[in-house]
Amino acid sequence: IKWVNSNGYEIDGPIAEEYMVSPIDLKNDDQ
């Protein structure tokens, strides 16, 4: 968000997360 504000942008909608590797895939949360 700091990067967005410092580079001439502003937030324009709800934030999303995509789970590329998740608890469904691996047990080790470090990964």
Full PDB file with SEQRES, HELIX, SHEET, SSBOND, CRYST1, ORIGX, SCALE, CONECT and MASTER records, all heavy atoms in Angstrom:
SEQRES   1 A   31  ILE LYS TRP VAL ASN SER ASN GLY TYR GLU ILE ASP GLY          
SEQRES   2 A   31  PRO ILE ALA GLU GLU TYR MET VAL SER PRO ILE ASP LEU          
SEQRES   3 A   31  LYS ASN ASP ASP GLN                                          
HELIX    1 AA1 LYS A    2  SER A    6  1                                   5    
CRYST1    1.000    1.000    1.000  90.00  90.00  90.00 P 1           1          
ORIGX1      1.000000  0.000000  0.000000        0.00000                         
ORIGX2      0.000000  1.000000  0.000000        0.00000                         
ORIGX3      0.000000  0.000000  1.000000        0.00000                         
SCALE1      1.000000  0.000000  0.000000        0.00000                         
SCALE2      0.000000  1.000000  0.000000        0.00000                         
SCALE3      0.000000  0.000000  1.000000        0.00000                         
ATOM      1  N   ILE A   1       0.836  -1.208   0.000  1.00  0.00           N  
ATOM      2  CA  ILE A   1       0.000   0.000   0.000  1.00  0.00           C  
ATOM      3  C   ILE A   1       0.866   1.252   0.000  1.00  0.00           C  
ATOM      4  O   ILE A   1       0.556   2.247  -0.675  1.00  0.00           O  
ATOM      5  CB  ILE A   1      -0.961  -0.028   1.205  1.00  0.00           C  
ATOM      6  CG1 ILE A   1      -2.000  -1.149   1.011  1.00  0.00           C  
ATOM      7  CG2 ILE A   1      -1.658   1.319   1.378  1.00  0.00           C  
ATOM      8  CD1 ILE A   1      -2.879  -1.398   2.215  1.00  0.00           C  
ATOM      9  N   LYS A   2       1.971   1.233   0.723  1.00  0.00           N  
ATOM     10  CA  LYS A   2       2.905   2.366   0.678  1.00  0.00           C  
ATOM     11  C   LYS A   2       3.450   2.561  -0.728  1.00  0.00           C  
ATOM     12  O   LYS A   2       3.581   3.694  -1.207  1.00  0.00           O  
ATOM     13  CB  LYS A   2       4.049   2.127   1.668  1.00  0.00           C  
ATOM     14  CG  LYS A   2       3.686   2.358   3.129  1.00  0.00           C  
ATOM     15  CD  LYS A   2       4.913   2.180   4.022  1.00  0.00           C  
ATOM     16  CE  LYS A   2       4.591   2.490   5.472  1.00  0.00           C  
ATOM     17  NZ  LYS A   2       5.779   2.301   6.350  1.00  0.00           N  
ATOM     18  N   TRP A   3       3.769   1.458  -1.387  1.00  0.00           N  
ATOM     19  CA  TRP A   3       4.267   1.538  -2.767  1.00  0.00           C  
ATOM     20  C   TRP A   3       3.209   2.167  -3.666  1.00  0.00           C  
ATOM     21  O   TRP A   3       3.524   3.026  -4.501  1.00  0.00           O  
ATOM     22  CB  TRP A   3       4.634   0.146  -3.274  1.00  0.00           C  
ATOM     23  CG  TRP A   3       5.283   0.141  -4.629  1.00  0.00           C  
ATOM     24  CD1 TRP A   3       6.617   0.104  -4.910  1.00  0.00           C  
ATOM     25  CD2 TRP A   3       4.607   0.198  -5.901  1.00  0.00           C  
ATOM     26  NE1 TRP A   3       6.824   0.126  -6.271  1.00  0.00           N  
ATOM     27  CE2 TRP A   3       5.604   0.190  -6.901  1.00  0.00           C  
ATOM     28  CE3 TRP A   3       3.274   0.248  -6.294  1.00  0.00           C  
ATOM     29  CZ2 TRP A   3       5.307   0.217  -8.257  1.00  0.00           C  
ATOM     30  CZ3 TRP A   3       2.967   0.296  -7.653  1.00  0.00           C  
ATOM     31  CH2 TRP A   3       3.979   0.285  -8.613  1.00  0.00           C  
ATOM     32  N   VAL A   4       1.960   1.740  -3.519  1.00  0.00           N  
ATOM     33  CA  VAL A   4       0.856   2.289  -4.320  1.00  0.00           C  
ATOM     34  C   VAL A   4       0.768   3.798  -4.131  1.00  0.00           C  
ATOM     35  O   VAL A   4       0.709   4.576  -5.110  1.00  0.00           O  
ATOM     36  CB  VAL A   4      -0.476   1.606  -3.933  1.00  0.00           C  
ATOM     37  CG1 VAL A   4      -1.666   2.371  -4.518  1.00  0.00           C  
ATOM     38  CG2 VAL A   4      -0.492   0.157  -4.409  1.00  0.00           C  
ATOM     39  N   ASN A   5       0.781   4.251  -2.893  1.00  0.00           N  
ATOM     40  CA  ASN A   5       0.643   5.682  -2.602  1.00  0.00           C  
ATOM     41  C   ASN A   5       1.844   6.495  -3.076  1.00  0.00           C  
ATOM     42  O   ASN A   5       1.706   7.684  -3.404  1.00  0.00           O  
ATOM     43  CB  ASN A   5       0.443   5.883  -1.098  1.00  0.00           C  
ATOM     44  CG  ASN A   5      -0.874   5.306  -0.606  1.00  0.00           C  
ATOM     45  OD1 ASN A   5      -1.850   5.204  -1.367  1.00  0.00           O  
ATOM     46  ND2 ASN A   5      -0.912   4.900   0.648  1.00  0.00           N  
ATOM     47  N   SER A   6       3.020   5.872  -3.093  1.00  0.00           N  
ATOM     48  CA  SER A   6       4.254   6.588  -3.465  1.00  0.00           C  
ATOM     49  C   SER A   6       4.499   6.614  -4.960  1.00  0.00           C  
ATOM     50  O   SER A   6       5.427   7.296  -5.420  1.00  0.00           O  
ATOM     51  CB  SER A   6       5.466   5.937  -2.778  1.00  0.00           C  
ATOM     52  OG  SER A   6       5.336   5.986  -1.375  1.00  0.00           O  
ATOM     53  N   ASN A   7       3.699   5.872  -5.726  1.00  0.00           N  
ATOM     54  CA  ASN A   7       3.947   5.763  -7.161  1.00  0.00           C  
ATOM     55  C   ASN A   7       2.791   6.270  -8.010  1.00  0.00           C  
ATOM     56  O   ASN A   7       2.622   5.851  -9.160  1.00  0.00           O  
ATOM     57  CB  ASN A   7       4.262   4.307  -7.518  1.00  0.00           C  
ATOM     58  CG  ASN A   7       5.661   3.894  -7.103  1.00  0.00           C  
ATOM     59  OD1 ASN A   7       6.627   4.041  -7.856  1.00  0.00           O  
ATOM     60  ND2 ASN A   7       5.784   3.386  -5.871  1.00  0.00           N  
ATOM     61  N   GLY A   8       2.037   7.205  -7.432  1.00  0.00           N  
ATOM     62  CA  GLY A   8       1.014   7.887  -8.219  1.00  0.00           C  
ATOM     63  C   GLY A   8      -0.285   7.125  -8.407  1.00  0.00           C  
ATOM     64  O   GLY A   8      -1.057   7.428  -9.320  1.00  0.00           O  
ATOM     65  N   TYR A   9      -0.548   6.130  -7.558  1.00  0.00           N  
ATOM     66  CA  TYR A   9      -1.788   5.358  -7.655  1.00  0.00           C  
ATOM     67  C   TYR A   9      -2.602   5.504  -6.376  1.00  0.00           C  
ATOM     68  O   TYR A   9      -2.105   5.951  -5.345  1.00  0.00           O  
ATOM     69  CB  TYR A   9      -1.480   3.868  -7.882  1.00  0.00           C  
ATOM     70  CG  TYR A   9      -0.844   3.552  -9.222  1.00  0.00           C  
ATOM     71  CD1 TYR A   9       0.546   3.484  -9.351  1.00  0.00           C  
ATOM     72  CD2 TYR A   9      -1.629   3.313 -10.347  1.00  0.00           C  
ATOM     73  CE1 TYR A   9       1.132   3.186 -10.568  1.00  0.00           C  
ATOM     74  CE2 TYR A   9      -1.046   3.013 -11.561  1.00  0.00           C  
ATOM     75  CZ  TYR A   9       0.329   2.951 -11.672  1.00  0.00           C  
ATOM     76  OH  TYR A   9       0.910   2.658 -12.878  1.00  0.00           O  
ATOM     77  N   GLU A  10      -3.861   5.096  -6.475  1.00  0.00           N  
ATOM     78  CA  GLU A  10      -4.705   4.981  -5.301  1.00  0.00           C  
ATOM     79  C   GLU A  10      -5.535   3.709  -5.415  1.00  0.00           C  
ATOM     80  O   GLU A  10      -5.797   3.212  -6.525  1.00  0.00           O  
ATOM     81  CB  GLU A  10      -5.613   6.201  -5.147  1.00  0.00           C  
ATOM     82  CG  GLU A  10      -6.564   6.453  -6.302  1.00  0.00           C  
ATOM     83  CD  GLU A  10      -7.351   7.738  -6.113  1.00  0.00           C  
ATOM     84  OE1 GLU A  10      -7.094   8.455  -5.131  1.00  0.00           O  
ATOM     85  OE2 GLU A  10      -8.225   8.023  -6.955  1.00  0.00           O  
ATOM     86  N   ILE A  11      -5.946   3.176  -4.276  1.00  0.00           N  
ATOM     87  CA  ILE A  11      -6.700   1.922  -4.253  1.00  0.00           C  
ATOM     88  C   ILE A  11      -8.081   2.138  -4.865  1.00  0.00           C  
ATOM     89  O   ILE A  11      -8.752   3.133  -4.602  1.00  0.00           O  
ATOM     90  CB  ILE A  11      -6.801   1.391  -2.817  1.00  0.00           C  
ATOM     91  CG1 ILE A  11      -5.392   1.063  -2.287  1.00  0.00           C  
ATOM     92  CG2 ILE A  11      -7.691   0.153  -2.748  1.00  0.00           C  
ATOM     93  CD1 ILE A  11      -5.368   0.629  -0.835  1.00  0.00           C  
ATOM     94  N   ASP A  12      -8.506   1.171  -5.692  1.00  0.00           N  
ATOM     95  CA  ASP A  12      -9.740   1.341  -6.463  1.00  0.00           C  
ATOM     96  C   ASP A  12     -10.633   0.100  -6.383  1.00  0.00           C  
ATOM     97  O   ASP A  12     -11.221  -0.298  -7.380  1.00  0.00           O  
ATOM     98  CB  ASP A  12      -9.391   1.650  -7.922  1.00  0.00           C  
ATOM     99  CG  ASP A  12     -10.607   2.067  -8.734  1.00  0.00           C  
ATOM    100  OD1 ASP A  12     -11.494   2.734  -8.172  1.00  0.00           O  
ATOM    101  OD2 ASP A  12     -10.669   1.708  -9.931  1.00  0.00           O  
ATOM    102  N   GLY A  13     -10.710  -0.514  -5.220  1.00  0.00           N  
ATOM    103  CA  GLY A  13     -11.583  -1.677  -5.075  1.00  0.00           C  
ATOM    104  C   GLY A  13     -11.102  -2.603  -3.977  1.00  0.00           C  
ATOM    105  O   GLY A  13     -10.032  -2.408  -3.394  1.00  0.00           O  
ATOM    106  N   PRO A  14     -11.891  -3.645  -3.690  1.00  0.00           N  
ATOM    107  CA  PRO A  14     -11.527  -4.590  -2.627  1.00  0.00           C  
ATOM    108  C   PRO A  14     -10.234  -5.338  -2.956  1.00  0.00           C  
ATOM    109  O   PRO A  14      -9.986  -5.700  -4.112  1.00  0.00           O  
ATOM    110  CB  PRO A  14     -12.716  -5.554  -2.581  1.00  0.00           C  
ATOM    111  CG  PRO A  14     -13.835  -4.839  -3.257  1.00  0.00           C  
ATOM    112  CD  PRO A  14     -13.206  -3.962  -4.286  1.00  0.00           C  
ATOM    113  N   ILE A  15      -9.440  -5.579  -1.942  1.00  0.00           N  
ATOM    114  CA  ILE A  15      -8.169  -6.292  -2.104  1.00  0.00           C  
ATOM    115  C   ILE A  15      -8.428  -7.795  -2.102  1.00  0.00           C  
ATOM    116  O   ILE A  15      -9.265  -8.298  -1.347  1.00  0.00           O  
ATOM    117  CB  ILE A  15      -7.190  -5.906  -0.986  1.00  0.00           C  
ATOM    118  CG1 ILE A  15      -6.884  -4.398  -1.070  1.00  0.00           C  
ATOM    119  CG2 ILE A  15      -5.904  -6.718  -1.064  1.00  0.00           C  
ATOM    120  CD1 ILE A  15      -6.009  -3.890   0.057  1.00  0.00           C  
ATOM    121  N   ALA A  16      -7.693  -8.501  -2.959  1.00  0.00           N  
ATOM    122  CA  ALA A  16      -7.854  -9.953  -3.078  1.00  0.00           C  
ATOM    123  C   ALA A  16      -6.540 -10.660  -2.779  1.00  0.00           C  
ATOM    124  O   ALA A  16      -5.455 -10.091  -2.916  1.00  0.00           O  
ATOM    125  CB  ALA A  16      -8.339 -10.327  -4.474  1.00  0.00           C  
ATOM    126  N   GLU A  17      -6.665 -11.912  -2.350  1.00  0.00           N  
ATOM    127  CA  GLU A  17      -5.513 -12.788  -2.151  1.00  0.00           C  
ATOM    128  C   GLU A  17      -5.740 -14.065  -2.955  1.00  0.00           C  
ATOM    129  O   GLU A  17      -6.815 -14.679  -2.865  1.00  0.00           O  
ATOM    130  CB  GLU A  17      -5.344 -13.168  -0.676  1.00  0.00           C  
ATOM    131  CG  GLU A  17      -5.068 -11.998   0.241  1.00  0.00           C  
ATOM    132  CD  GLU A  17      -5.146 -12.377   1.711  1.00  0.00           C  
ATOM    133  OE1 GLU A  17      -5.403 -13.564   2.020  1.00  0.00           O  
ATOM    134  OE2 GLU A  17      -4.960 -11.469   2.548  1.00  0.00           O  
ATOM    135  N   GLU A  18      -4.746 -14.470  -3.735  1.00  0.00           N  
ATOM    136  CA  GLU A  18      -4.794 -15.747  -4.434  1.00  0.00           C  
ATOM    137  C   GLU A  18      -3.796 -16.688  -3.774  1.00  0.00           C  
ATOM    138  O   GLU A  18      -2.635 -16.333  -3.569  1.00  0.00           O  
ATOM    139  CB  GLU A  18      -4.467 -15.573  -5.920  1.00  0.00           C  
ATOM    140  CG  GLU A  18      -5.551 -14.848  -6.689  1.00  0.00           C  
ATOM    141  CD  GLU A  18      -5.288 -14.809  -8.189  1.00  0.00           C  
ATOM    142  OE1 GLU A  18      -4.156 -15.160  -8.600  1.00  0.00           O  
ATOM    143  OE2 GLU A  18      -6.194 -14.431  -8.944  1.00  0.00           O  
ATOM    144  N   TYR A  19      -4.258 -17.898  -3.474  1.00  0.00           N  
ATOM    145  CA  TYR A  19      -3.451 -18.834  -2.686  1.00  0.00           C  
ATOM    146  C   TYR A  19      -2.706 -19.790  -3.620  1.00  0.00           C  
ATOM    147  O   TYR A  19      -3.187 -20.873  -3.949  1.00  0.00           O  
ATOM    148  CB  TYR A  19      -4.350 -19.559  -1.692  1.00  0.00           C  
ATOM    149  CG  TYR A  19      -5.040 -18.576  -0.784  1.00  0.00           C  
ATOM    150  CD1 TYR A  19      -6.352 -18.190  -0.997  1.00  0.00           C  
ATOM    151  CD2 TYR A  19      -4.334 -17.958   0.245  1.00  0.00           C  
ATOM    152  CE1 TYR A  19      -6.972 -17.247  -0.183  1.00  0.00           C  
ATOM    153  CE2 TYR A  19      -4.946 -17.013   1.072  1.00  0.00           C  
ATOM    154  CZ  TYR A  19      -6.257 -16.665   0.840  1.00  0.00           C  
ATOM    155  OH  TYR A  19      -6.859 -15.717   1.640  1.00  0.00           O  
ATOM    156  N   MET A  20      -1.510 -19.346  -4.035  1.00  0.00           N  
ATOM    157  CA  MET A  20      -0.697 -20.117  -4.979  1.00  0.00           C  
ATOM    158  C   MET A  20      -0.247 -21.441  -4.364  1.00  0.00           C  
ATOM    159  O   MET A  20      -0.275 -22.487  -5.007  1.00  0.00           O  
ATOM    160  CB  MET A  20       0.514 -19.296  -5.426  1.00  0.00           C  
ATOM    161  CG  MET A  20       0.199 -17.853  -5.817  1.00  0.00           C  
ATOM    162  SD  MET A  20      -0.982 -17.741  -7.179  1.00  0.00           S  
ATOM    163  CE  MET A  20       0.028 -18.344  -8.527  1.00  0.00           C  
ATOM    164  N   VAL A  21       0.225 -21.379  -3.132  1.00  0.00           N  
ATOM    165  CA  VAL A  21       0.546 -22.572  -2.334  1.00  0.00           C  
ATOM    166  C   VAL A  21      -0.083 -22.349  -0.962  1.00  0.00           C  
ATOM    167  O   VAL A  21       0.211 -21.355  -0.299  1.00  0.00           O  
ATOM    168  CB  VAL A  21       2.066 -22.793  -2.205  1.00  0.00           C  
ATOM    169  CG1 VAL A  21       2.347 -24.059  -1.393  1.00  0.00           C  
ATOM    170  CG2 VAL A  21       2.728 -22.890  -3.576  1.00  0.00           C  
ATOM    171  N   SER A  22      -0.935 -23.256  -0.539  1.00  0.00           N  
ATOM    172  CA  SER A  22      -1.794 -23.019   0.619  1.00  0.00           C  
ATOM    173  C   SER A  22      -1.798 -24.223   1.558  1.00  0.00           C  
ATOM    174  O   SER A  22      -1.148 -25.240   1.282  1.00  0.00           O  
ATOM    175  CB  SER A  22      -3.216 -22.757   0.123  1.00  0.00           C  
ATOM    176  OG  SER A  22      -3.796 -23.975  -0.352  1.00  0.00           O  
ATOM    177  N   PRO A  23      -2.573 -24.142   2.665  1.00  0.00           N  
ATOM    178  CA  PRO A  23      -2.675 -25.290   3.565  1.00  0.00           C  
ATOM    179  C   PRO A  23      -3.236 -26.545   2.912  1.00  0.00           C  
ATOM    180  O   PRO A  23      -3.028 -27.650   3.411  1.00  0.00           O  
ATOM    181  CB  PRO A  23      -3.620 -24.782   4.665  1.00  0.00           C  
ATOM    182  CG  PRO A  23      -3.489 -23.305   4.639  1.00  0.00           C  
ATOM    183  CD  PRO A  23      -3.260 -22.954   3.208  1.00  0.00           C  
ATOM    184  N   ILE A  24      -3.954 -26.388   1.802  1.00  0.00           N  
ATOM    185  CA  ILE A  24      -4.460 -27.550   1.086  1.00  0.00           C  
ATOM    186  C   ILE A  24      -3.313 -28.311   0.417  1.00  0.00           C  
ATOM    187  O   ILE A  24      -3.363 -29.529   0.252  1.00  0.00           O  
ATOM    188  CB  ILE A  24      -5.511 -27.122   0.047  1.00  0.00           C  
ATOM    189  CG1 ILE A  24      -6.773 -26.635   0.765  1.00  0.00           C  
ATOM    190  CG2 ILE A  24      -5.863 -28.261  -0.903  1.00  0.00           C  
ATOM    191  CD1 ILE A  24      -7.868 -26.178  -0.148  1.00  0.00           C  
ATOM    192  N   ASP A  25      -2.264 -27.578   0.047  1.00  0.00           N  
ATOM    193  CA  ASP A  25      -1.148 -28.173  -0.696  1.00  0.00           C  
ATOM    194  C   ASP A  25      -0.036 -28.683   0.214  1.00  0.00           C  
ATOM    195  O   ASP A  25       0.526 -29.754  -0.027  1.00  0.00           O  
ATOM    196  CB  ASP A  25      -0.569 -27.142  -1.677  1.00  0.00           C  
ATOM    197  CG  ASP A  25      -1.633 -26.523  -2.556  1.00  0.00           C  
ATOM    198  OD1 ASP A  25      -2.315 -27.287  -3.255  1.00  0.00           O  
ATOM    199  OD2 ASP A  25      -1.780 -25.290  -2.533  1.00  0.00           O  
ATOM    200  N   LEU A  26       0.303 -27.907   1.249  1.00  0.00           N  
ATOM    201  CA  LEU A  26       1.436 -28.231   2.105  1.00  0.00           C  
ATOM    202  C   LEU A  26       1.088 -27.943   3.559  1.00  0.00           C  
ATOM    203  O   LEU A  26       0.281 -27.053   3.849  1.00  0.00           O  
ATOM    204  CB  LEU A  26       2.675 -27.407   1.706  1.00  0.00           C  
ATOM    205  CG  LEU A  26       3.238 -27.624   0.293  1.00  0.00           C  
ATOM    206  CD1 LEU A  26       4.294 -26.568  -0.002  1.00  0.00           C  
ATOM    207  CD2 LEU A  26       3.827 -29.006   0.144  1.00  0.00           C  
ATOM    208  N   LYS A  27       1.698 -28.650   4.481  1.00  0.00           N  
ATOM    209  CA  LYS A  27       1.470 -28.420   5.906  1.00  0.00           C  
ATOM    210  C   LYS A  27       2.393 -27.353   6.477  1.00  0.00           C  
ATOM    211  O   LYS A  27       2.049 -26.668   7.436  1.00  0.00           O  
ATOM    212  CB  LYS A  27       1.654 -29.728   6.679  1.00  0.00           C  
ATOM    213  CG  LYS A  27       0.600 -30.778   6.376  1.00  0.00           C  
ATOM    214  CD  LYS A  27       0.809 -32.020   7.226  1.00  0.00           C  
ATOM    215  CE  LYS A  27      -0.275 -33.057   6.945  1.00  0.00           C  
ATOM    216  NZ  LYS A  27      -0.080 -34.289   7.772  1.00  0.00           N  
ATOM    217  N   ASN A  28       3.574 -27.199   5.906  1.00  0.00           N  
ATOM    218  CA  ASN A  28       4.566 -26.256   6.416  1.00  0.00           C  
ATOM    219  C   ASN A  28       4.220 -24.845   5.965  1.00  0.00           C  
ATOM    220  O   ASN A  28       4.361 -24.508   4.787  1.00  0.00           O  
ATOM    221  CB  ASN A  28       5.957 -26.646   5.930  1.00  0.00           C  
ATOM    222  CG  ASN A  28       7.053 -25.782   6.519  1.00  0.00           C  
ATOM    223  OD1 ASN A  28       6.788 -24.826   7.256  1.00  0.00           O  
ATOM    224  ND2 ASN A  28       8.300 -26.102   6.196  1.00  0.00           N  
ATOM    225  N   ASP A  29       3.768 -23.988   6.907  1.00  0.00           N  
ATOM    226  CA  ASP A  29       3.335 -22.644   6.504  1.00  0.00           C  
ATOM    227  C   ASP A  29       4.494 -21.762   6.037  1.00  0.00           C  
ATOM    228  O   ASP A  29       4.265 -20.726   5.409  1.00  0.00           O  
ATOM    229  CB  ASP A  29       2.539 -21.953   7.611  1.00  0.00           C  
ATOM    230  CG  ASP A  29       3.322 -21.811   8.907  1.00  0.00           C  
ATOM    231  OD1 ASP A  29       4.514 -22.139   8.931  1.00  0.00           O  
ATOM    232  OD2 ASP A  29       2.719 -21.355   9.901  1.00  0.00           O  
ATOM    233  N   ASP A  30       5.726 -22.141   6.317  1.00  0.00           N  
ATOM    234  CA  ASP A  30       6.862 -21.385   5.797  1.00  0.00           C  
ATOM    235  C   ASP A  30       6.929 -21.441   4.275  1.00  0.00           C  
ATOM    236  O   ASP A  30       7.569 -20.601   3.638  1.00  0.00           O  
ATOM    237  CB  ASP A  30       8.176 -21.919   6.371  1.00  0.00           C  
ATOM    238  CG  ASP A  30       8.324 -21.613   7.853  1.00  0.00           C  
ATOM    239  OD1 ASP A  30       7.681 -20.651   8.323  1.00  0.00           O  
ATOM    240  OD2 ASP A  30       9.069 -22.331   8.538  1.00  0.00           O  
ATOM    241  N   GLN A  31       6.260 -22.427   3.689  1.00  0.00           N  
ATOM    242  CA  GLN A  31       6.308 -22.625   2.242  1.00  0.00           C  
ATOM    243  C   GLN A  31       5.076 -22.086   1.519  1.00  0.00           C  
ATOM    244  O   GLN A  31       4.960 -22.232   0.311  1.00  0.00           O  
ATOM    245  CB  GLN A  31       6.485 -24.122   1.931  1.00  0.00           C  
ATOM    246  CG  GLN A  31       7.799 -24.695   2.439  1.00  0.00           C  
ATOM    247  CD  GLN A  31       7.925 -26.178   2.145  1.00  0.00           C  
ATOM    248  OE1 GLN A  31       7.014 -26.959   2.427  1.00  0.00           O  
ATOM    249  NE2 GLN A  31       9.032 -26.571   1.575  1.00  0.00           N  
TER     250      GLN A  31                                                      
MASTER        0    0    0    1    0    0    0    6  249    1    0    3          
END                                                                             
